[in-house]
Protein backbone atom coordinates (compact mmCIF):
# COMPACT_ATOMS: atom_id res chain seq x y z
CA UNK A 1 107.82 138.25 108.17
CA UNK A 2 108.50 137.10 111.90
CA UNK A 3 106.41 134.20 111.33
CA UNK A 4 108.50 133.37 108.42
CA UNK A 5 111.45 133.37 110.28
CA UNK A 6 110.13 131.60 113.36
CA UNK A 7 108.52 128.42 111.07
CA UNK A 8 112.16 128.42 109.45
CA UNK A 9 113.71 128.34 112.95
CA UNK A 10 111.69 125.81 113.69
CA UNK A 11 111.74 123.46 110.84
CA UNK A 12 115.49 123.99 110.55
CA UNK A 13 116.18 122.64 114.32
CA UNK A 14 113.91 120.03 113.42
CA UNK A 15 115.93 118.58 110.70
CA UNK A 16 119.03 119.32 112.59
CA UNK A 17 117.64 118.48 116.00
CA UNK A 18 120.78 116.18 117.79
CA UNK A 19 120.44 112.82 119.93
CA UNK A 20 122.67 113.24 122.90
CA UNK A 21 124.53 109.97 122.67
CA UNK A 22 126.89 109.09 125.49
CA UNK A 23 129.62 106.35 125.23
CA UNK A 24 131.50 104.66 127.83
CA UNK A 25 134.45 104.54 126.06
CA UNK A 26 136.68 106.47 122.83
CA UNK A 27 136.28 103.30 119.96
CA UNK A 28 132.56 103.24 120.74
CA UNK A 29 131.90 107.30 120.46
CA UNK A 30 133.94 107.30 117.02
CA UNK A 31 132.16 104.77 115.46
CA UNK A 32 129.06 106.62 116.61
CA UNK A 33 130.39 109.39 115.32
CA UNK A 34 130.50 107.92 111.43
CA UNK A 35 127.25 105.93 111.84
CA UNK A 36 124.98 109.01 113.36
CA UNK A 37 127.06 112.12 111.51
CA UNK A 38 125.62 115.49 111.97
CA UNK A 39 122.44 113.98 113.83
CA UNK A 40 124.66 112.42 116.92
CA UNK A 41 125.73 114.53 119.63
CA UNK A 42 128.61 112.19 121.08
CA UNK A 43 130.12 112.67 124.42
CA UNK A 44 132.75 109.93 125.67
CA UNK A 45 132.79 109.05 129.58
CA UNK A 46 135.89 107.24 130.09
CA UNK A 47 139.09 108.90 128.89
CA UNK A 48 141.72 106.64 126.52
CA UNK A 49 144.44 107.88 129.28
CA UNK A 50 143.36 105.83 132.03
CA UNK A 51 142.35 102.08 133.15
CA UNK A 52 139.12 101.49 131.27
CA UNK A 53 138.02 99.37 134.31
CA UNK A 54 138.85 102.07 136.89
CA UNK A 55 137.20 105.75 135.47
CA UNK A 56 137.10 107.77 138.23
CA UNK A 57 132.76 108.34 138.64
CA UNK A 58 133.30 112.50 138.31
CA UNK A 59 129.96 114.49 138.59
CA UNK A 60 130.80 115.95 135.54
CA UNK A 61 130.04 112.42 134.10
CA UNK A 62 126.62 112.39 136.26
CA UNK A 63 125.44 115.65 134.48
CA UNK A 64 126.18 114.33 130.91
CA UNK A 65 124.34 111.40 131.63
CA UNK A 66 121.57 113.19 133.08
CA UNK A 67 121.03 114.64 129.79
CA UNK A 68 122.04 111.55 127.76
CA UNK A 69 119.10 110.33 124.93
CA UNK A 70 121.17 107.13 124.29
CA UNK A 71 124.15 105.47 126.70
CA UNK A 72 126.02 103.06 124.80
CA UNK A 73 128.13 100.57 126.64
CA UNK A 74 131.28 98.11 125.90
CA UNK A 75 129.17 95.78 128.26
CA UNK A 76 131.13 92.25 129.38
CA UNK A 77 131.47 93.52 132.92
CA UNK A 78 134.26 95.92 131.98
CA UNK A 79 132.51 99.17 133.38
CA UNK A 80 130.89 97.09 136.61
CA UNK A 81 133.44 99.20 138.39
CA UNK A 82 132.16 102.80 138.20
CA UNK A 83 128.61 103.17 135.74
CA UNK A 84 126.27 101.69 137.84
CA UNK A 85 126.43 103.86 140.18
CA UNK A 86 126.22 106.78 137.95
CA UNK A 87 123.04 105.35 135.90
CA UNK A 88 121.30 104.89 139.35
CA UNK A 89 121.95 108.78 140.52
CA UNK A 90 121.38 110.33 136.86
CA UNK A 91 117.79 109.75 137.89
CA UNK A 92 117.29 109.76 133.83
CA UNK A 93 114.78 106.85 132.74
CA UNK A 94 116.20 106.99 129.17
CA UNK A 95 119.17 105.02 130.32
CA UNK A 96 118.44 102.92 133.26
CA UNK A 97 118.47 99.08 132.70
CA UNK A 98 115.83 97.42 130.49
CA UNK A 99 115.21 100.88 128.71
CA UNK A 100 115.37 101.86 125.00
CA UNK A 101 118.08 104.26 125.42
CA UNK A 102 120.93 101.78 126.99
CA UNK A 103 122.74 99.90 124.50
CA UNK A 104 125.11 96.86 125.59
CA UNK A 105 127.30 96.12 122.70
CA UNK A 106 128.71 93.15 124.05
CA UNK A 107 125.39 91.25 123.67
CA UNK A 108 125.90 91.63 119.71
CA UNK A 109 129.66 90.53 120.02
CA UNK A 110 130.92 86.73 119.89
CA UNK A 111 132.73 86.85 123.19
CA UNK A 112 136.14 84.84 123.47
CA UNK A 113 137.83 83.61 126.79
CA UNK A 114 134.65 82.92 128.68
CA UNK A 115 135.56 81.29 132.40
CA UNK A 116 134.02 77.83 132.78
CA UNK A 117 133.71 79.18 136.63
CA UNK A 118 134.35 82.20 138.35
CA UNK A 119 135.90 82.33 141.80
CA UNK A 120 137.99 85.46 143.30
CA UNK A 121 140.70 83.10 143.38
CA UNK A 122 141.47 83.56 139.55
CA UNK A 123 141.43 87.31 139.96
CA UNK A 124 139.32 89.72 138.31
CA UNK A 125 137.58 87.50 135.42
CA UNK A 126 134.74 88.38 133.60
CA UNK A 127 132.06 86.13 133.73
CA UNK A 128 130.57 86.80 129.95
CA UNK A 129 134.37 86.87 128.67
CA UNK A 130 137.06 88.92 127.42
CA UNK A 131 135.96 92.30 127.03
CA UNK A 132 138.18 94.08 125.06
CA UNK A 133 136.83 93.05 121.83
CA UNK A 134 137.06 96.48 120.06
CA UNK A 135 140.89 95.87 119.30
CA UNK A 136 139.97 93.36 116.45
CA UNK A 137 138.63 95.98 113.21
CA UNK A 138 136.51 92.89 111.97
CA UNK A 139 134.36 93.66 114.77
CA UNK A 140 133.59 96.97 114.15
CA UNK A 141 131.18 96.43 111.73
CA UNK A 142 128.92 94.91 114.08
CA UNK A 143 128.90 97.34 116.48
CA UNK A 144 128.37 100.02 113.56
CA UNK A 145 125.15 97.94 113.12
CA UNK A 146 123.84 97.58 116.24
CA UNK A 147 124.46 101.65 116.99
CA UNK A 148 122.65 102.28 113.30
CA UNK A 149 119.71 99.96 114.75
CA UNK A 150 119.09 101.87 117.81
CA UNK A 151 119.69 105.23 116.73
CA UNK A 152 116.99 104.56 113.92
CA UNK A 153 114.79 103.14 116.83
CA UNK A 154 115.08 106.20 118.78
CA UNK A 155 115.10 108.97 116.09
CA UNK A 156 112.50 107.01 113.42
CA UNK A 157 112.38 109.98 110.98
CA UNK A 158 115.88 109.56 110.05
CA UNK A 159 115.96 106.21 109.78
CA UNK A 160 116.79 106.14 106.43
CA UNK A 161 120.03 108.67 107.17
CA UNK A 162 121.30 106.44 109.64
CA UNK A 163 121.06 103.34 107.11
CA UNK A 164 122.60 105.35 104.37
CA UNK A 165 125.30 106.36 106.85
CA UNK A 166 126.18 102.84 107.93
CA UNK A 167 126.07 100.94 104.71
CA UNK A 168 128.62 103.81 103.40
CA UNK A 169 130.57 103.58 106.37
CA UNK A 170 130.49 99.43 106.31
CA UNK A 171 131.63 99.52 102.15
CA UNK A 172 134.59 101.50 103.25
CA UNK A 173 135.36 99.84 106.22
CA UNK A 174 135.49 96.14 104.13
CA UNK A 175 137.59 98.01 101.71
CA UNK A 176 140.04 99.38 104.72
CA UNK A 177 140.01 95.62 105.69
CA UNK A 178 141.10 93.95 102.67
CA UNK A 179 144.36 96.21 102.78
CA UNK A 180 144.64 95.85 106.72
CA UNK A 181 144.63 92.00 106.43
CA UNK A 182 146.77 91.84 103.43
CA UNK A 183 149.31 93.74 105.53
CA UNK A 184 149.05 91.30 108.47
CA UNK A 185 150.07 88.15 106.67
CA UNK A 186 153.53 88.02 107.51
CA UNK A 187 152.42 88.43 111.54
CA UNK A 188 150.95 84.99 111.70
CA UNK A 189 152.98 82.82 114.41
CA UNK A 190 154.86 85.62 116.14
CA UNK A 191 154.85 84.79 119.70
CA UNK A 192 154.25 87.85 122.38
CA UNK A 193 153.50 88.43 126.09
CA UNK A 194 150.64 90.46 127.15
CA UNK A 195 150.93 92.57 130.70
CA UNK A 196 147.14 92.21 130.61
CA UNK A 197 145.05 90.21 128.25
CA UNK A 198 144.02 93.61 126.17
CA UNK A 199 144.92 92.51 123.01
CA UNK A 200 143.68 88.65 122.57
CA UNK A 201 140.94 89.52 119.98
CA UNK A 202 143.47 91.27 117.63
CA UNK A 203 146.07 88.45 118.25
CA UNK A 204 143.32 85.41 117.69
CA UNK A 205 142.15 87.17 114.47
CA UNK A 206 145.52 87.55 113.06
CA UNK A 207 147.63 84.15 114.25
CA UNK A 208 149.72 85.83 116.65
CA UNK A 209 150.51 83.98 120.07
CA UNK A 210 150.46 84.95 123.60
CA UNK A 211 152.59 82.81 125.50
CA UNK A 212 151.82 84.36 128.75
CA UNK A 213 151.01 87.49 130.61
CA UNK A 214 153.13 89.91 133.06
CA UNK A 215 149.95 89.94 135.32
CA UNK A 216 149.81 86.02 137.28
CA UNK A 217 146.37 86.57 137.47
CA UNK A 218 143.72 89.75 135.81
CA UNK A 219 143.93 92.06 138.05
CA UNK A 220 146.65 91.27 140.53
CA UNK A 221 150.19 92.56 140.52
CA UNK A 222 153.34 90.85 139.07
CA UNK A 223 155.32 88.85 141.43
CA UNK A 224 158.85 87.73 141.63
CA UNK A 225 158.30 84.43 140.98
CA UNK A 226 156.01 84.68 138.21
CA UNK A 227 158.09 86.93 136.77
CA UNK A 228 161.00 84.82 136.98
CA UNK A 229 159.07 81.83 135.35
CA UNK A 230 157.77 84.18 132.24
CA UNK A 231 161.39 85.62 131.89
CA UNK A 232 162.23 81.58 131.51
CA UNK A 233 159.72 80.87 129.55
CA UNK A 234 160.62 84.12 127.08
CA UNK A 235 164.22 82.55 126.82
CA UNK A 236 162.81 78.96 126.18
CA UNK A 237 160.45 80.17 123.37
CA UNK A 238 162.49 82.70 121.42
CA UNK A 239 160.06 85.58 122.36
CA UNK A 240 161.00 89.47 121.47
CA UNK A 241 157.93 91.42 122.09
CA UNK A 242 156.20 92.67 124.76
CA UNK A 243 153.10 94.34 124.69
CA UNK A 244 152.39 97.17 127.27
CA UNK A 245 149.72 99.17 127.41
CA UNK A 246 149.81 102.92 129.05
CA UNK A 247 148.18 102.55 132.19
CA UNK A 248 149.74 99.53 133.96
CA UNK A 249 153.26 99.86 135.71
CA UNK A 250 156.07 99.95 133.37
CA UNK A 251 159.14 98.42 135.70
CA UNK A 252 158.24 94.89 135.43
CA UNK A 253 158.33 94.82 131.64
CA UNK A 254 161.41 96.96 130.97
CA UNK A 255 163.12 94.23 133.35
CA UNK A 256 161.88 91.29 131.63
CA UNK A 257 162.63 92.74 128.20
CA UNK A 258 166.49 93.81 129.87
CA UNK A 259 167.04 89.72 130.77
CA UNK A 260 165.46 88.86 127.34
CA UNK A 261 166.78 91.11 124.86
CA UNK A 262 162.74 91.66 124.10
CA UNK A 263 161.45 94.86 122.64
CA UNK A 264 158.78 96.47 125.03
CA UNK A 265 155.65 97.82 122.58
CA UNK A 266 153.09 100.40 124.24
CA UNK A 267 149.99 99.56 122.17
CA UNK A 268 146.63 101.49 122.47
CA UNK A 269 143.51 99.75 124.05
CA UNK A 270 141.38 102.53 122.75
CA UNK A 271 140.68 105.45 119.94
CA UNK A 272 143.60 107.99 121.04
CA UNK A 273 145.50 106.09 124.10
CA UNK A 274 148.33 107.11 122.32
CA UNK A 275 149.87 109.64 119.78
CA UNK A 276 148.98 108.74 116.52
CA UNK A 277 145.84 106.88 117.12
CA UNK A 278 143.29 109.45 117.26
CA UNK A 279 140.74 108.05 114.51
CA UNK A 280 139.99 105.06 114.06
CA UNK A 281 141.83 103.97 111.30
CA UNK A 282 145.05 105.52 113.05
CA UNK A 283 144.24 103.13 116.02
CA UNK A 284 143.82 99.77 114.08
CA UNK A 285 147.23 100.92 112.33
CA UNK A 286 148.54 101.42 115.29
CA UNK A 287 147.91 98.15 117.14
CA UNK A 288 149.06 96.40 113.88
CA UNK A 289 152.35 98.38 113.44
CA UNK A 290 152.84 98.07 117.02
CA UNK A 291 152.49 94.40 117.46
CA UNK A 292 153.79 93.34 114.28
CA UNK A 293 156.98 95.29 113.90
């Protein structure tokens, strides 16, 4: 009887063994859960409440990386300020550069806004292009496929399950996009101002024009001269919407809004960044509602 119980426990453990997957951000974590299902144990390293460029490399993150079978990163240079030393000090051969357990999603994305030259004179530019691609819901199936293929590579015994999960999720997402796109047709042609170029992928997808940024250059605080010039341009172009994220200062946007009769809308940059954006669908619905209202 003891042998039967032991065998049953071993078989059950094998069937429900989880891959330990770390993702750098919440949106990647949410997609991984949809594709991996019960076969993955997902940990998100960077809180969506903070600037994704400057996640604090706490010791708790190091302990999580030491146990990871797979690390899924956004890429495009956005994690350069915090992730490399954590990977190095984790001493986990699974997730080192070139290892099978490290997945850089940016390698699968048609990146936009690639600079012709890179210099500190242009601010904190990303040589690979704009890394904030997860704001475009049409890129979700590409991300999901890349994650599913990596899971199948690492856990080939359950490849059929990952494939079924991917197929089901992709079909459901395409249905979601039909309704989503239809609701955004009226948004085409709208003009907005951003604080940081967080939403370029969404804006480009749906024909929304960003006429300027509150930042004079990426990562550079707004000056009085730049703010006044932007204010005058907004008045000239009739811009009434300012896209504000949760982690940059809000004083400048409020000042500009008061001078132009514009509205400041706080838009999530990642799943869970603002109240009501805790799932993939709610995240993209909130982006649409905020930008196109």
